[in-house]
């Protein structure tokens, strides 16, 4: 985890792009913990990535939203209590 020194989501995206450029072919996802922004680096996206943090990820310096099929896969992988 990398703490982001960002005041808003746009500056966090910019920091995540810089992290991504320094780490090619790695996925960078962002999320909040106790009102602080963090970035997470991973070689592959986890199925629960769309619901774990912000609705986008960065790879090779490009910001990409999670696709509808990724969101559906996340919802289907979450067990229900029925």
PDB file of N, CA and C in Angstrom:
ATOM      1  N   UNK A   1       0.839  -1.166   0.000  1.00  0.00           N
ATOM      2  CA  UNK A   1       0.000   0.000   0.000  1.00  0.00           C
ATOM      3  C   UNK A   1       0.888   1.236   0.000  1.00  0.00           C
ATOM      4  N   UNK A   2       0.445   2.196  -0.755  1.00  0.00           N
ATOM      5  CA  UNK A   2       1.166   3.462  -0.856  1.00  0.00           C
ATOM      6  C   UNK A   2       0.204   4.568  -0.468  1.00  0.00           C
ATOM      7  N   UNK A   3       0.575   5.372   0.503  1.00  0.00           N
ATOM      8  CA  UNK A   3      -0.281   6.485   0.920  1.00  0.00           C
ATOM      9  C   UNK A   3      -0.189   7.580  -0.130  1.00  0.00           C
ATOM     10  N   UNK A   4      -1.339   8.100  -0.520  1.00  0.00           N
ATOM     11  CA  UNK A   4      -1.392   9.175  -1.501  1.00  0.00           C
ATOM     12  C   UNK A   4      -1.553  10.510  -0.783  1.00  0.00           C
ATOM     13  N   UNK A   5      -0.776  11.488  -1.179  1.00  0.00           N
ATOM     14  CA  UNK A   5      -0.893  12.824  -0.603  1.00  0.00           C
ATOM     15  C   UNK A   5      -1.809  13.648  -1.497  1.00  0.00           C
ATOM     16  N   UNK A   6      -3.076  13.298  -1.478  1.00  0.00           N
ATOM     17  CA  UNK A   6      -4.035  13.917  -2.378  1.00  0.00           C
ATOM     18  C   UNK A   6      -5.164  14.557  -1.581  1.00  0.00           C
ATOM     19  N   UNK A   7      -5.574  15.743  -2.044  1.00  0.00           N
ATOM     20  CA  UNK A   7      -6.673  16.442  -1.395  1.00  0.00           C
ATOM     21  C   UNK A   7      -8.015  16.081  -2.015  1.00  0.00           C
ATOM     22  N   UNK A   8      -7.991  15.587  -3.258  1.00  0.00           N
ATOM     23  CA  UNK A   8      -9.238  15.215  -3.923  1.00  0.00           C
ATOM     24  C   UNK A   8      -8.972  14.050  -4.873  1.00  0.00           C
ATOM     25  N   UNK A   9     -10.026  13.560  -5.499  1.00  0.00           N
ATOM     26  CA  UNK A   9      -9.916  12.362  -6.346  1.00  0.00           C
ATOM     27  C   UNK A   9      -9.074  12.628  -7.593  1.00  0.00           C
ATOM     28  N   UNK A  10      -9.121  13.843  -8.132  1.00  0.00           N
ATOM     29  CA  UNK A  10      -8.337  14.145  -9.334  1.00  0.00           C
ATOM     30  C   UNK A  10      -6.836  14.132  -9.054  1.00  0.00           C
ATOM     31  N   UNK A  11      -6.436  14.687  -7.930  1.00  0.00           N
ATOM     32  CA  UNK A  11      -5.006  14.646  -7.598  1.00  0.00           C
ATOM     33  C   UNK A  11      -4.570  13.224  -7.237  1.00  0.00           C
ATOM     34  N   UNK A  12      -5.484  12.438  -6.666  1.00  0.00           N
ATOM     35  CA  UNK A  12      -5.173  11.033  -6.384  1.00  0.00           C
ATOM     36  C   UNK A  12      -4.978  10.265  -7.687  1.00  0.00           C
ATOM     37  N   UNK A  13      -5.825  10.538  -8.694  1.00  0.00           N
ATOM     38  CA  UNK A  13      -5.663   9.896 -10.002  1.00  0.00           C
ATOM     39  C   UNK A  13      -4.303  10.229 -10.596  1.00  0.00           C
ATOM     40  N   UNK A  14      -3.915  11.500 -10.493  1.00  0.00           N
ATOM     41  CA  UNK A  14      -2.607  11.908 -11.030  1.00  0.00           C
ATOM     42  C   UNK A  14      -1.468  11.179 -10.335  1.00  0.00           C
ATOM     43  N   UNK A  15      -1.550  11.039  -9.019  1.00  0.00           N
ATOM     44  CA  UNK A  15      -0.514  10.297  -8.288  1.00  0.00           C
ATOM     45  C   UNK A  15      -0.503   8.823  -8.690  1.00  0.00           C
ATOM     46  N   UNK A  16      -1.695   8.256  -8.886  1.00  0.00           N
ATOM     47  CA  UNK A  16      -1.780   6.857  -9.284  1.00  0.00           C
ATOM     48  C   UNK A  16      -1.198   6.646 -10.681  1.00  0.00           C
ATOM     49  N   UNK A  17      -1.378   7.615 -11.563  1.00  0.00           N
ATOM     50  CA  UNK A  17      -0.785   7.535 -12.904  1.00  0.00           C
ATOM     51  C   UNK A  17       0.738   7.540 -12.792  1.00  0.00           C
ATOM     52  N   UNK A  18       1.289   8.391 -11.941  1.00  0.00           N
ATOM     53  CA  UNK A  18       2.743   8.437 -11.758  1.00  0.00           C
ATOM     54  C   UNK A  18       3.266   7.123 -11.176  1.00  0.00           C
ATOM     55  N   UNK A  19       2.543   6.554 -10.220  1.00  0.00           N
ATOM     56  CA  UNK A  19       2.928   5.260  -9.648  1.00  0.00           C
ATOM     57  C   UNK A  19       2.883   4.187 -10.729  1.00  0.00           C
ATOM     58  N   UNK A  20       1.861   4.237 -11.561  1.00  0.00           N
ATOM     59  CA  UNK A  20       1.716   3.257 -12.632  1.00  0.00           C
ATOM     60  C   UNK A  20       2.847   3.362 -13.645  1.00  0.00           C
ATOM     61  N   UNK A  21       3.249   4.566 -13.971  1.00  0.00           N
ATOM     62  CA  UNK A  21       4.351   4.745 -14.924  1.00  0.00           C
ATOM     63  C   UNK A  21       5.671   4.221 -14.358  1.00  0.00           C
ATOM     64  N   UNK A  22       5.832   4.324 -13.029  1.00  0.00           N
ATOM     65  CA  UNK A  22       7.034   3.787 -12.385  1.00  0.00           C
ATOM     66  C   UNK A  22       7.005   2.266 -12.263  1.00  0.00           C
ATOM     67  N   UNK A  23       5.809   1.667 -12.374  1.00  0.00           N
ATOM     68  CA  UNK A  23       5.626   0.218 -12.229  1.00  0.00           C
ATOM     69  C   UNK A  23       4.819  -0.309 -13.416  1.00  0.00           C
ATOM     70  N   UNK A  24       5.450  -0.434 -14.593  1.00  0.00           N
ATOM     71  CA  UNK A  24       4.702  -0.866 -15.776  1.00  0.00           C
ATOM     72  C   UNK A  24       4.140  -2.279 -15.618  1.00  0.00           C
ATOM     73  N   UNK A  25       2.975  -2.496 -16.238  1.00  0.00           N
ATOM     74  CA  UNK A  25       2.270  -3.779 -16.239  1.00  0.00           C
ATOM     75  C   UNK A  25       1.737  -4.193 -14.866  1.00  0.00           C
ATOM     76  N   UNK A  26       1.657  -3.266 -13.933  1.00  0.00           N
ATOM     77  CA  UNK A  26       1.051  -3.512 -12.627  1.00  0.00           C
ATOM     78  C   UNK A  26      -0.232  -2.704 -12.541  1.00  0.00           C
ATOM     79  N   UNK A  27      -1.264  -3.275 -11.935  1.00  0.00           N
ATOM     80  CA  UNK A  27      -2.525  -2.581 -11.727  1.00  0.00           C
ATOM     81  C   UNK A  27      -2.424  -1.732 -10.458  1.00  0.00           C
ATOM     82  N   UNK A  28      -2.909  -0.511 -10.540  1.00  0.00           N
ATOM     83  CA  UNK A  28      -2.946   0.378  -9.384  1.00  0.00           C
ATOM     84  C   UNK A  28      -4.412   0.687  -9.091  1.00  0.00           C
ATOM     85  N   UNK A  29      -4.876   0.281  -7.931  1.00  0.00           N
ATOM     86  CA  UNK A  29      -6.240   0.579  -7.510  1.00  0.00           C
ATOM     87  C   UNK A  29      -6.187   1.506  -6.304  1.00  0.00           C
ATOM     88  N   UNK A  30      -7.205   2.320  -6.145  1.00  0.00           N
ATOM     89  CA  UNK A  30      -7.228   3.286  -5.049  1.00  0.00           C
ATOM     90  C   UNK A  30      -8.398   3.058  -4.124  1.00  0.00           C
ATOM     91  N   UNK A  31      -8.235   3.439  -2.861  1.00  0.00           N
ATOM     92  CA  UNK A  31      -9.290   3.304  -1.871  1.00  0.00           C
ATOM     93  C   UNK A  31      -8.997   4.214  -0.688  1.00  0.00           C
ATOM     94  N   UNK A  32      -9.981   4.378   0.173  1.00  0.00           N
ATOM     95  CA  UNK A  32      -9.856   5.209   1.368  1.00  0.00           C
ATOM     96  C   UNK A  32      -9.869   4.336   2.614  1.00  0.00           C
ATOM     97  N   UNK A  33      -9.028   4.720   3.568  1.00  0.00           N
ATOM     98  CA  UNK A  33      -9.048   4.112   4.896  1.00  0.00           C
ATOM     99  C   UNK A  33      -8.969   5.257   5.891  1.00  0.00           C
ATOM    100  N   UNK A  34      -9.993   5.395   6.724  1.00  0.00           N
ATOM    101  CA  UNK A  34     -10.016   6.445   7.745  1.00  0.00           C
ATOM    102  C   UNK A  34      -9.704   7.817   7.152  1.00  0.00           C
ATOM    103  N   UNK A  35     -10.368   8.166   6.084  1.00  0.00           N
ATOM    104  CA  UNK A  35     -10.268   9.465   5.416  1.00  0.00           C
ATOM    105  C   UNK A  35      -8.881   9.750   4.847  1.00  0.00           C
ATOM    106  N   UNK A  36      -8.093   8.721   4.600  1.00  0.00           N
ATOM    107  CA  UNK A  36      -6.806   8.862   3.926  1.00  0.00           C
ATOM    108  C   UNK A  36      -6.829   8.018   2.668  1.00  0.00           C
ATOM    109  N   UNK A  37      -6.219   8.518   1.606  1.00  0.00           N
ATOM    110  CA  UNK A  37      -6.216   7.824   0.321  1.00  0.00           C
ATOM    111  C   UNK A  37      -4.982   6.941   0.201  1.00  0.00           C
ATOM    112  N   UNK A  38      -5.190   5.734  -0.323  1.00  0.00           N
ATOM    113  CA  UNK A  38      -4.105   4.778  -0.527  1.00  0.00           C
ATOM    114  C   UNK A  38      -4.199   4.167  -1.918  1.00  0.00           C
ATOM    115  N   UNK A  39      -3.061   3.743  -2.426  1.00  0.00           N
ATOM    116  CA  UNK A  39      -3.004   3.015  -3.689  1.00  0.00           C
ATOM    117  C   UNK A  39      -2.467   1.615  -3.404  1.00  0.00           C
ATOM    118  N   UNK A  40      -2.952   0.652  -4.167  1.00  0.00           N
ATOM    119  CA  UNK A  40      -2.520  -0.737  -4.022  1.00  0.00           C
ATOM    120  C   UNK A  40      -2.014  -1.227  -5.366  1.00  0.00           C
ATOM    121  N   UNK A  41      -0.847  -1.828  -5.375  1.00  0.00           N
ATOM    122  CA  UNK A  41      -0.266  -2.395  -6.592  1.00  0.00           C
ATOM    123  C   UNK A  41      -0.486  -3.897  -6.617  1.00  0.00           C
ATOM    124  N   UNK A  42      -0.889  -4.410  -7.772  1.00  0.00           N
ATOM    125  CA  UNK A  42      -1.047  -5.850  -7.908  1.00  0.00           C
ATOM    126  C   UNK A  42      -0.774  -6.263  -9.351  1.00  0.00           C
ATOM    127  N   UNK A  43      -0.309  -7.480  -9.520  1.00  0.00           N
ATOM    128  CA  UNK A  43      -0.008  -8.000 -10.853  1.00  0.00           C
ATOM    129  C   UNK A  43      -1.286  -8.337 -11.610  1.00  0.00           C
ATOM    130  N   UNK A  44      -2.333  -8.746 -10.888  1.00  0.00           N
ATOM    131  CA  UNK A  44      -3.631  -9.050 -11.490  1.00  0.00           C
ATOM    132  C   UNK A  44      -4.731  -8.389 -10.671  1.00  0.00           C
ATOM    133  N   UNK A  45      -5.848  -8.085 -11.327  1.00  0.00           N
ATOM    134  CA  UNK A  45      -6.995  -7.543 -10.601  1.00  0.00           C
ATOM    135  C   UNK A  45      -7.723  -8.675  -9.884  1.00  0.00           C
ATOM    136  N   UNK A  46      -8.115  -8.435  -8.660  1.00  0.00           N
ATOM    137  CA  UNK A  46      -8.915  -9.393  -7.907  1.00  0.00           C
ATOM    138  C   UNK A  46     -10.369  -9.248  -8.331  1.00  0.00           C
ATOM    139  N   UNK A  47     -11.142 -10.314  -8.225  1.00  0.00           N
ATOM    140  CA  UNK A  47     -12.545 -10.273  -8.646  1.00  0.00           C
ATOM    141  C   UNK A  47     -13.334  -9.240  -7.844  1.00  0.00           C
ATOM    142  N   UNK A  48     -12.932  -8.964  -6.608  1.00  0.00           N
ATOM    143  CA  UNK A  48     -13.650  -7.999  -5.774  1.00  0.00           C
ATOM    144  C   UNK A  48     -13.105  -6.575  -5.904  1.00  0.00           C
ATOM    145  N   UNK A  49     -12.185  -6.330  -6.802  1.00  0.00           N
ATOM    146  CA  UNK A  49     -11.620  -4.990  -6.964  1.00  0.00           C
ATOM    147  C   UNK A  49     -12.648  -3.902  -7.247  1.00  0.00           C
ATOM    148  N   UNK A  50     -13.678  -4.139  -8.073  1.00  0.00           N
ATOM    149  CA  UNK A  50     -14.641  -3.061  -8.328  1.00  0.00           C
ATOM    150  C   UNK A  50     -15.357  -2.547  -7.082  1.00  0.00           C
ATOM    151  N   UNK A  51     -15.637  -3.402  -6.119  1.00  0.00           N
ATOM    152  CA  UNK A  51     -16.362  -2.951  -4.929  1.00  0.00           C
ATOM    153  C   UNK A  51     -15.431  -2.624  -3.759  1.00  0.00           C
ATOM    154  N   UNK A  52     -14.152  -2.907  -3.891  1.00  0.00           N
ATOM    155  CA  UNK A  52     -13.216  -2.642  -2.796  1.00  0.00           C
ATOM    156  C   UNK A  52     -12.783  -1.187  -2.703  1.00  0.00           C
ATOM    157  N   UNK A  53     -12.860  -0.456  -3.785  1.00  0.00           N
ATOM    158  CA  UNK A  53     -12.355   0.909  -3.746  1.00  0.00           C
ATOM    159  C   UNK A  53     -13.032   1.800  -4.761  1.00  0.00           C
ATOM    160  N   UNK A  54     -12.238   2.619  -5.400  1.00  0.00           N
ATOM    161  CA  UNK A  54     -12.750   3.586  -6.362  1.00  0.00           C
ATOM    162  C   UNK A  54     -13.135   2.889  -7.659  1.00  0.00           C
ATOM    163  N   UNK A  55     -14.020   3.485  -8.457  1.00  0.00           N
ATOM    164  CA  UNK A  55     -14.559   2.797  -9.648  1.00  0.00           C
ATOM    165  C   UNK A  55     -13.646   2.819 -10.873  1.00  0.00           C
ATOM    166  N   UNK A  56     -12.352   2.866 -10.649  1.00  0.00           N
ATOM    167  CA  UNK A  56     -11.400   2.863 -11.765  1.00  0.00           C
ATOM    168  C   UNK A  56     -10.087   2.257 -11.296  1.00  0.00           C
ATOM    169  N   UNK A  57      -9.239   1.907 -12.250  1.00  0.00           N
ATOM    170  CA  UNK A  57      -7.891   1.437 -11.958  1.00  0.00           C
ATOM    171  C   UNK A  57      -6.955   2.066 -12.975  1.00  0.00           C
ATOM    172  N   UNK A  58      -5.659   1.966 -12.726  1.00  0.00           N
ATOM    173  CA  UNK A  58      -4.653   2.536 -13.620  1.00  0.00           C
ATOM    174  C   UNK A  58      -3.661   1.442 -13.979  1.00  0.00           C
ATOM    175  N   UNK A  59      -3.350   1.328 -15.253  1.00  0.00           N
ATOM    176  CA  UNK A  59      -2.323   0.405 -15.717  1.00  0.00           C
ATOM    177  C   UNK A  59      -1.555   1.091 -16.838  1.00  0.00           C
ATOM    178  N   UNK A  60      -0.237   1.036 -16.745  1.00  0.00           N
ATOM    179  CA  UNK A  60       0.655   1.652 -17.740  1.00  0.00           C
ATOM    180  C   UNK A  60       0.321   3.118 -17.978  1.00  0.00           C
ATOM    181  N   UNK A  61      -0.053   3.833 -16.910  1.00  0.00           N
ATOM    182  CA  UNK A  61      -0.323   5.259 -17.006  1.00  0.00           C
ATOM    183  C   UNK A  61      -1.688   5.619 -17.558  1.00  0.00           C
ATOM    184  N   UNK A  62      -2.548   4.639 -17.795  1.00  0.00           N
ATOM    185  CA  UNK A  62      -3.881   4.897 -18.342  1.00  0.00           C
ATOM    186  C   UNK A  62      -4.946   4.611 -17.288  1.00  0.00           C
ATOM    187  N   UNK A  63      -5.829   5.575 -17.099  1.00  0.00           N
ATOM    188  CA  UNK A  63      -6.938   5.417 -16.161  1.00  0.00           C
ATOM    189  C   UNK A  63      -8.074   4.718 -16.902  1.00  0.00           C
ATOM    190  N   UNK A  64      -8.551   3.608 -16.314  1.00  0.00           N
ATOM    191  CA  UNK A  64      -9.612   2.832 -16.946  1.00  0.00           C
ATOM    192  C   UNK A  64     -10.718   2.557 -15.937  1.00  0.00           C
ATOM    193  N   UNK A  65     -11.973   2.734 -16.340  1.00  0.00           N
ATOM    194  CA  UNK A  65     -13.074   2.376 -15.428  1.00  0.00           C
ATOM    195  C   UNK A  65     -13.274   0.865 -15.427  1.00  0.00           C
ATOM    196  N   UNK A  66     -13.842   0.358 -14.347  1.00  0.00           N
ATOM    197  CA  UNK A  66     -14.194  -1.053 -14.325  1.00  0.00           C
ATOM    198  C   UNK A  66     -15.347  -1.266 -15.290  1.00  0.00           C
ATOM    199  N   UNK A  67     -15.278  -2.339 -16.059  1.00  0.00           N
ATOM    200  CA  UNK A  67     -16.322  -2.622 -17.037  1.00  0.00           C
ATOM    201  C   UNK A  67     -17.541  -3.212 -16.348  1.00  0.00           C
ATOM    202  N   UNK A  68     -18.641  -3.222 -17.063  1.00  0.00           N
ATOM    203  CA  UNK A  68     -19.872  -3.785 -16.512  1.00  0.00           C
ATOM    204  C   UNK A  68     -19.700  -5.272 -16.200  1.00  0.00           C
ATOM    205  N   UNK A  69     -18.969  -5.986 -17.050  1.00  0.00           N
ATOM    206  CA  UNK A  69     -18.761  -7.418 -16.792  1.00  0.00           C
ATOM    207  C   UNK A  69     -17.888  -7.646 -15.554  1.00  0.00           C
ATOM    208  N   UNK A  70     -16.943  -6.744 -15.284  1.00  0.00           N
ATOM    209  CA  UNK A  70     -16.136  -6.869 -14.068  1.00  0.00           C
ATOM    210  C   UNK A  70     -16.996  -6.627 -12.830  1.00  0.00           C
ATOM    211  N   UNK A  71     -17.893  -5.653 -12.906  1.00  0.00           N
ATOM    212  CA  UNK A  71     -18.777  -5.357 -11.780  1.00  0.00           C
ATOM    213  C   UNK A  71     -19.736  -6.525 -11.539  1.00  0.00           C
ATOM    214  N   UNK A  72     -20.272  -7.097 -12.607  1.00  0.00           N
ATOM    215  CA  UNK A  72     -21.181  -8.244 -12.470  1.00  0.00           C
ATOM    216  C   UNK A  72     -20.445  -9.447 -11.885  1.00  0.00           C
ATOM    217  N   UNK A  73     -19.213  -9.692 -12.329  1.00  0.00           N
ATOM    218  CA  UNK A  73     -18.420 -10.799 -11.778  1.00  0.00           C
ATOM    219  C   UNK A  73     -18.175 -10.593 -10.290  1.00  0.00           C
ATOM    220  N   UNK A  74     -17.940  -9.346  -9.886  1.00  0.00           N
ATOM    221  CA  UNK A  74     -17.754  -9.023  -8.474  1.00  0.00           C
ATOM    222  C   UNK A  74     -19.034  -9.329  -7.697  1.00  0.00           C
ATOM    223  N   UNK A  75     -20.171  -8.911  -8.216  1.00  0.00           N
ATOM    224  CA  UNK A  75     -21.446  -9.149  -7.530  1.00  0.00           C
ATOM    225  C   UNK A  75     -21.754 -10.642  -7.440  1.00  0.00           C
ATOM    226  N   UNK A  76     -21.452 -11.387  -8.492  1.00  0.00           N
ATOM    227  CA  UNK A  76     -21.727 -12.827  -8.490  1.00  0.00           C
ATOM    228  C   UNK A  76     -20.779 -13.602  -7.584  1.00  0.00           C
ATOM    229  N   UNK A  77     -19.602 -13.069  -7.325  1.00  0.00           N
ATOM    230  CA  UNK A  77     -18.636 -13.750  -6.473  1.00  0.00           C
ATOM    231  C   UNK A  77     -18.902 -13.513  -4.988  1.00  0.00           C
ATOM    232  N   UNK A  78     -19.795 -12.573  -4.691  1.00  0.00           N
ATOM    233  CA  UNK A  78     -20.110 -12.267  -3.301  1.00  0.00           C
ATOM    234  C   UNK A  78     -21.230 -13.187  -2.830  1.00  0.00           C
ATOM    235  N   UNK A  79     -20.995 -13.966  -1.783  1.00  0.00           N
ATOM    236  CA  UNK A  79     -22.046 -14.879  -1.329  1.00  0.00           C
ATOM    237  C   UNK A  79     -23.216 -14.124  -0.694  1.00  0.00           C
ATOM    238  N   UNK A  80     -24.383 -14.677  -0.824  1.00  0.00           N
ATOM    239  CA  UNK A  80     -25.576 -14.104  -0.198  1.00  0.00           C
ATOM    240  C   UNK A  80     -25.951 -14.944   1.008  1.00  0.00           C
ATOM    241  N   UNK A  81     -26.791 -14.417   1.833  1.00  0.00           N
ATOM    242  CA  UNK A  81     -27.186 -15.113   3.064  1.00  0.00           C
ATOM    243  C   UNK A  81     -28.533 -15.788   2.918  1.00  0.00           C
ATOM    244  N   UNK A  82     -28.936 -16.130   1.720  1.00  0.00           N
ATOM    245  CA  UNK A  82     -30.218 -16.807   1.514  1.00  0.00           C
ATOM    246  C   UNK A  82     -30.057 -18.292   1.546  1.00  0.00           C
TER     247      UNK A  82
END
